[in-house]
Amino acid sequence: MTKCPVCLQGFPVGDFPALATHLLDQASQSEPSHVRWLNQSISLRRVERDTLTEQLRDIFLLPPEGLAHWIKRRFIRRFFGERPHPFVVALQHPERSVLLGYAVEHQHFLRQWVRCCAFILARSGQPDVVLYEIDNIDTEFGGRGPGLPSHYELLLRMGESVGLSRAIILATPGLPTTERVLKEWHRICEQEHWVSAMAAMHSLELIAHRNLLPAGATVHYFDPAILDGMAISPETKAFLREGYEVDLGHADAALALVERHAQALNLVEDVQSVFLRSIDLFDDYLGARLERAEMYGPPA
């Protein structure tokens, strides 16, 4: 199906006139999420149905390189384009408050991440997907022994190193924005097709992908030079380096699986729609990290 990238209401594959009508109807009722999407993705001015139909057709048009390339290109444009996401800007040379905001909000994300991966694993039944998700859960949450701690453990150590006890980090509820987007990701992975859920979650690992500059990114997730300097703690370096190294393979492998199964199951537009919704959620979630950072003020 072709789905609304805001509410995920379904339409027949390629029925962009119906999707355009839906978006305009919602906007005419001042539904805020649909208005926001049109403003951000189409135009700040009202467009006619035929014009919107063609713009939607262009958005969903796959390049010759295929679905994985389309996902990567749109993700880069959203978070690493001419105006990178404010959290990416803040992480280039992060202040203590930014790292604290990262640690506190992201521990909630990673706990939900495992549940989302488990939904995909259980609902797919495909051996290649099952093996991929087992590896991802181990890397992100389980760890592989004393010498190979999980990304979750490294996050907590980073938070401790910049001034919060583990007990406080774990006891701090997520901000309302974080809780809202985590609930929607949970719903996506529980109810949408598992291929689309896989695209929704694992495309997010592109955020720490270290090879995005050749693909059009204007900056890295953080300035790699900080891994060799003295401005951040060893624990922060360990956490950032883990994502910098691991998410490269995780993201590329996941997108290859998504493309293969989406084509086999005729789910390409379904995947595209759910991916577009997921990056809107991710934009909000990264903003929540900065909102939390503001609560800790300037660096000590």
Protein backbone atom coordinates (compact mmCIF):
# COMPACT_ATOMS: atom_id res chain seq x y z
CA MET A 1 0.00 0.00 0.00
CA THR A 2 0.88 3.65 -0.31
CA LYS A 3 0.41 5.16 3.14
CA CYS A 4 0.08 8.64 4.50
CA PRO A 5 3.52 9.56 5.89
CA VAL A 6 1.82 11.17 8.88
CA CYS A 7 -0.98 8.88 10.10
CA LEU A 8 -0.14 5.82 7.96
CA GLN A 9 -3.66 5.55 6.55
CA GLY A 10 -3.43 3.20 3.58
CA PHE A 11 -4.27 3.78 -0.09
CA PRO A 12 -3.84 1.56 -3.17
CA VAL A 13 -0.28 1.36 -4.43
CA GLY A 14 0.54 4.42 -6.50
CA ASP A 15 -2.73 6.21 -5.74
CA PHE A 16 -1.10 9.56 -5.14
CA PRO A 17 -4.23 11.53 -6.05
CA ALA A 18 -6.04 9.88 -3.12
CA LEU A 19 -3.09 10.54 -0.81
CA ALA A 20 -2.98 14.17 -1.92
CA THR A 21 -6.71 14.55 -1.26
CA HIS A 22 -6.28 13.04 2.21
CA LEU A 23 -3.41 15.38 3.10
CA LEU A 24 -5.28 18.45 1.88
CA ASP A 25 -8.46 17.41 3.71
CA GLN A 26 -6.52 17.01 6.94
CA ALA A 27 -4.79 20.34 6.42
CA SER A 28 -8.12 22.07 5.76
CA GLN A 29 -9.19 20.83 9.19
CA SER A 30 -5.98 22.27 10.67
CA GLU A 31 -4.81 18.85 11.84
CA PRO A 32 -1.36 19.88 13.17
CA SER A 33 0.68 16.81 12.22
CA HIS A 34 -0.49 16.83 8.61
CA VAL A 35 -0.04 20.60 8.34
CA ARG A 36 3.48 20.26 9.71
CA TRP A 37 4.39 17.55 7.21
CA LEU A 38 3.10 19.58 4.28
CA ASN A 39 4.98 22.66 5.48
CA GLN A 40 8.23 20.77 5.97
CA SER A 41 8.11 18.44 3.00
CA ILE A 42 6.08 20.28 0.33
CA SER A 43 5.56 24.01 0.81
CA LEU A 44 4.62 26.61 3.39
CA ARG A 45 1.90 27.73 0.98
CA ARG A 46 -1.20 25.77 0.08
CA VAL A 47 -0.81 23.78 -3.12
CA GLU A 48 -3.48 22.45 -5.44
CA ARG A 49 -4.36 18.77 -5.51
CA ASP A 50 -2.81 18.10 -8.91
CA THR A 51 0.42 19.84 -7.95
CA LEU A 52 0.60 17.95 -4.67
CA THR A 53 -0.07 14.68 -6.48
CA GLU A 54 2.96 15.23 -8.71
CA GLN A 55 5.14 16.28 -5.78
CA LEU A 56 4.18 13.12 -3.90
CA ARG A 57 4.94 11.06 -6.98
CA ASP A 58 8.38 12.65 -7.09
CA ILE A 59 9.01 11.98 -3.40
CA PHE A 60 8.23 8.29 -3.77
CA LEU A 61 10.07 7.87 -7.09
CA LEU A 62 12.92 5.39 -6.67
CA PRO A 63 16.29 6.22 -8.24
CA PRO A 64 18.03 3.64 -10.43
CA GLU A 65 20.17 2.69 -7.42
CA GLY A 66 17.08 1.36 -5.61
CA LEU A 67 15.24 1.57 -2.29
CA ALA A 68 18.23 1.49 0.07
CA HIS A 69 19.80 4.41 -1.77
CA TRP A 70 16.49 6.32 -1.62
CA ILE A 71 16.30 5.81 2.15
CA LYS A 72 19.90 6.86 2.71
CA ARG A 73 19.56 9.93 0.49
CA ARG A 74 16.42 11.17 2.24
CA PHE A 75 17.90 10.52 5.68
CA ILE A 76 21.03 12.50 4.80
CA ARG A 77 18.96 15.37 3.44
CA ARG A 78 16.91 15.49 6.65
CA PHE A 79 19.67 15.31 9.26
CA PHE A 80 22.96 16.17 7.52
CA GLY A 81 21.97 18.59 4.77
CA GLU A 82 22.73 22.28 4.39
CA ARG A 83 21.10 22.86 7.78
CA PRO A 84 22.02 19.81 9.89
CA HIS A 85 19.73 18.87 12.75
CA PRO A 86 20.45 21.06 15.82
CA PHE A 87 21.46 18.02 17.87
CA VAL A 88 24.01 17.04 15.21
CA VAL A 89 25.38 20.60 15.37
CA ALA A 90 25.57 20.42 19.17
CA LEU A 91 27.33 17.04 19.08
CA GLN A 92 30.19 18.22 16.87
CA HIS A 93 32.08 19.38 19.97
CA PRO A 94 29.62 18.54 22.75
CA GLU A 95 29.28 20.36 26.01
CA ARG A 96 28.68 18.41 29.19
CA SER A 97 24.98 19.32 29.18
CA VAL A 98 24.53 17.84 25.69
CA LEU A 99 26.13 14.56 26.76
CA LEU A 100 23.92 14.43 29.84
CA GLY A 101 20.83 15.04 27.73
CA TYR A 102 22.00 12.30 25.37
CA ALA A 103 22.55 9.80 28.19
CA VAL A 104 19.28 10.40 30.01
CA GLU A 105 16.96 10.32 26.98
CA HIS A 106 18.80 7.68 24.98
CA GLN A 107 18.65 5.04 27.70
CA HIS A 108 14.87 5.05 27.20
CA PHE A 109 15.33 4.76 23.44
CA LEU A 110 17.66 1.77 23.71
CA ARG A 111 15.34 -0.12 26.03
CA GLN A 112 12.51 0.35 23.55
CA TRP A 113 14.87 -0.46 20.68
CA VAL A 114 15.30 -4.01 21.95
CA ARG A 115 11.54 -4.52 22.06
CA CYS A 116 11.19 -3.19 18.53
CA CYS A 117 13.91 -5.53 17.27
CA ALA A 118 12.18 -8.41 19.02
CA PHE A 119 8.90 -7.61 17.24
CA ILE A 120 10.68 -7.67 13.89
CA LEU A 121 12.45 -10.92 14.74
CA ALA A 122 9.27 -12.65 15.90
CA ARG A 123 7.06 -11.43 13.08
CA SER A 124 9.40 -12.03 10.15
CA GLY A 125 10.44 -15.67 10.50
CA GLN A 126 13.05 -15.07 7.78
CA PRO A 127 16.38 -16.65 8.81
CA ASP A 128 18.48 -13.75 7.52
CA VAL A 129 16.34 -11.25 9.43
CA VAL A 130 16.29 -13.35 12.61
CA LEU A 131 20.08 -13.63 12.63
CA TYR A 132 20.46 -9.93 11.95
CA GLU A 133 18.14 -8.94 14.81
CA ILE A 134 19.80 -11.33 17.28
CA ASP A 135 23.15 -9.73 16.48
CA ASN A 136 21.68 -6.26 16.81
CA ILE A 137 20.08 -6.98 20.18
CA ASP A 138 23.34 -8.41 21.49
CA THR A 139 25.37 -5.45 20.29
CA GLU A 140 22.98 -2.74 21.45
CA PHE A 141 21.72 -4.19 24.72
CA GLY A 142 23.06 -7.59 25.71
CA GLY A 143 26.78 -7.23 25.19
CA ARG A 144 29.21 -10.03 24.49
CA GLY A 145 31.11 -10.50 27.71
CA PRO A 146 33.24 -8.31 30.00
CA GLY A 147 35.49 -7.10 27.21
CA LEU A 148 32.66 -6.23 24.82
CA PRO A 149 30.02 -4.24 26.69
CA SER A 150 26.75 -3.34 25.00
CA HIS A 151 26.03 0.08 23.54
CA TYR A 152 23.54 0.53 26.40
CA GLU A 153 26.24 -0.11 29.01
CA LEU A 154 28.63 2.27 27.26
CA LEU A 155 25.91 4.95 27.27
CA LEU A 156 25.43 4.60 31.02
CA ARG A 157 29.18 4.82 31.58
CA MET A 158 29.29 8.00 29.52
CA GLY A 159 26.54 9.52 31.65
CA GLU A 160 28.39 8.61 34.81
CA SER A 161 31.62 10.10 33.47
CA VAL A 162 30.01 13.50 32.89
CA GLY A 163 28.36 13.81 36.25
CA LEU A 164 25.23 11.72 36.82
CA SER A 165 25.08 8.51 38.83
CA ARG A 166 23.72 5.44 37.12
CA ALA A 167 20.87 5.33 39.64
CA ILE A 168 19.77 8.85 38.73
CA ILE A 169 20.00 8.21 35.00
CA LEU A 170 17.89 5.06 35.25
CA ALA A 171 15.35 6.67 37.57
CA THR A 172 14.77 9.74 35.40
CA PRO A 173 11.60 9.43 33.30
CA GLY A 174 11.83 10.27 29.64
CA LEU A 175 10.52 13.63 28.51
CA PRO A 176 6.99 13.67 27.06
CA THR A 177 8.33 13.90 23.50
CA THR A 178 10.54 10.87 24.05
CA GLU A 179 7.69 8.87 25.54
CA ARG A 180 5.38 9.84 22.67
CA VAL A 181 7.73 8.83 19.89
CA LEU A 182 8.72 5.59 21.64
CA LYS A 183 5.06 4.62 21.87
CA GLU A 184 4.60 5.22 18.15
CA TRP A 185 7.70 3.21 17.22
CA HIS A 186 6.36 0.43 19.43
CA ARG A 187 3.04 0.55 17.56
CA ILE A 188 4.78 0.56 14.19
CA CYS A 189 6.82 -2.52 15.04
CA GLU A 190 3.84 -4.30 16.57
CA GLN A 191 1.29 -3.52 13.83
CA GLU A 192 2.91 -2.46 10.55
CA HIS A 193 4.46 -5.03 8.24
CA TRP A 194 7.77 -6.25 9.66
CA VAL A 195 9.69 -5.11 6.56
CA SER A 196 8.39 -1.57 7.05
CA ALA A 197 9.12 -1.78 10.77
CA MET A 198 12.66 -2.86 9.97
CA ALA A 199 13.10 0.16 7.70
CA ALA A 200 11.60 2.45 10.34
CA MET A 201 14.01 1.38 13.06
CA HIS A 202 17.25 0.43 11.35
CA SER A 203 17.36 3.41 9.00
CA LEU A 204 17.90 5.41 12.20
CA GLU A 205 21.30 3.77 12.59
CA LEU A 206 22.40 5.90 9.67
CA ILE A 207 22.76 8.74 12.18
CA ALA A 208 26.17 7.43 13.31
CA HIS A 209 27.24 6.08 9.91
CA ARG A 210 30.78 7.33 9.33
CA ASN A 211 30.73 7.24 5.50
CA LEU A 212 27.92 9.67 4.70
CA LEU A 213 30.05 12.58 3.47
CA PRO A 214 30.61 11.00 0.02
CA ALA A 215 26.83 10.49 -0.18
CA GLY A 216 26.10 14.18 0.35
CA ALA A 217 26.25 14.83 4.11
CA THR A 218 27.74 18.19 5.08
CA VAL A 219 29.04 16.97 8.46
CA HIS A 220 29.63 13.78 10.41
CA TYR A 221 27.44 12.89 13.41
CA PHE A 222 30.26 14.35 15.50
CA ASP A 223 33.67 15.71 14.60
CA PRO A 224 35.90 12.58 14.52
CA ALA A 225 38.78 14.70 15.84
CA ILE A 226 37.21 14.68 19.31
CA LEU A 227 38.02 10.98 19.61
CA ASP A 228 41.72 11.87 19.67
CA GLY A 229 41.53 14.97 21.86
CA MET A 230 41.20 15.60 25.58
CA ALA A 231 37.95 17.56 25.60
CA ILE A 232 35.69 14.59 26.33
CA SER A 233 35.99 11.70 28.77
CA PRO A 234 37.39 8.28 27.80
CA GLU A 235 33.93 6.83 28.48
CA THR A 236 32.35 9.31 26.07
CA LYS A 237 34.91 8.40 23.43
CA ALA A 238 34.16 4.71 23.95
CA PHE A 239 30.43 5.26 23.50
CA LEU A 240 30.74 7.47 20.43
CA ARG A 241 33.37 5.24 18.84
CA GLU A 242 31.14 2.18 19.26
CA GLY A 243 28.34 3.73 17.25
CA TYR A 244 30.80 5.16 14.74
CA GLU A 245 32.20 1.69 14.09
CA VAL A 246 29.18 -0.60 14.53
CA ASP A 247 26.32 1.42 12.99
CA LEU A 248 28.14 1.48 9.65
CA GLY A 249 27.65 -2.26 9.19
CA HIS A 250 24.31 -2.44 10.98
CA ALA A 251 22.64 0.22 8.85
CA ASP A 252 23.95 -1.03 5.51
CA ALA A 253 23.10 -4.65 6.28
CA ALA A 254 19.59 -3.75 7.43
CA LEU A 255 18.85 -1.63 4.36
CA ALA A 256 20.00 -4.46 2.10
CA LEU A 257 17.60 -6.82 3.88
CA VAL A 258 14.77 -4.28 3.69
CA GLU A 259 15.28 -3.77 -0.04
CA ARG A 260 15.43 -7.49 -0.77
CA HIS A 261 12.28 -8.39 1.16
CA ALA A 262 10.32 -5.26 0.20
CA GLN A 263 10.78 -6.06 -3.47
CA ALA A 264 9.95 -9.74 -2.98
CA LEU A 265 6.75 -8.91 -1.09
CA ASN A 266 5.75 -5.88 -3.21
CA LEU A 267 5.98 -3.56 -0.22
CA VAL A 268 8.24 -0.81 -1.51
CA GLU A 269 5.78 2.09 -1.11
CA ASP A 270 4.65 0.76 2.27
CA VAL A 271 8.29 0.81 3.40
CA GLN A 272 8.80 4.30 2.04
CA SER A 273 5.74 5.66 3.83
CA VAL A 274 6.63 4.18 7.21
CA PHE A 275 10.25 5.30 6.85
CA LEU A 276 9.10 8.87 6.22
CA ARG A 277 7.01 8.73 9.37
CA SER A 278 9.90 7.32 11.36
CA ILE A 279 12.33 10.09 10.46
CA ASP A 280 9.76 12.66 11.57
CA LEU A 281 9.64 10.87 14.92
CA PHE A 282 13.43 10.74 15.05
CA ASP A 283 13.65 14.48 14.39
CA ASP A 284 11.43 15.07 17.42
CA TYR A 285 13.38 12.61 19.54
CA LEU A 286 16.72 14.29 18.79
CA GLY A 287 15.07 17.54 19.83
CA ALA A 288 14.15 15.94 23.15
CA ARG A 289 17.83 15.24 23.80
CA LEU A 290 18.49 18.97 23.46
CA GLU A 291 15.48 19.82 25.62
CA ARG A 292 16.92 17.61 28.34
CA ALA A 293 20.37 19.17 27.86
CA GLU A 294 18.94 22.62 28.58
CA MET A 295 17.92 21.33 32.03
CA TYR A 296 21.59 20.81 32.90
CA GLY A 297 22.76 24.23 31.79
CA PRO A 298 26.28 25.12 30.68
CA PRO A 299 29.24 22.76 31.16
CA ALA A 300 30.75 22.50 34.62
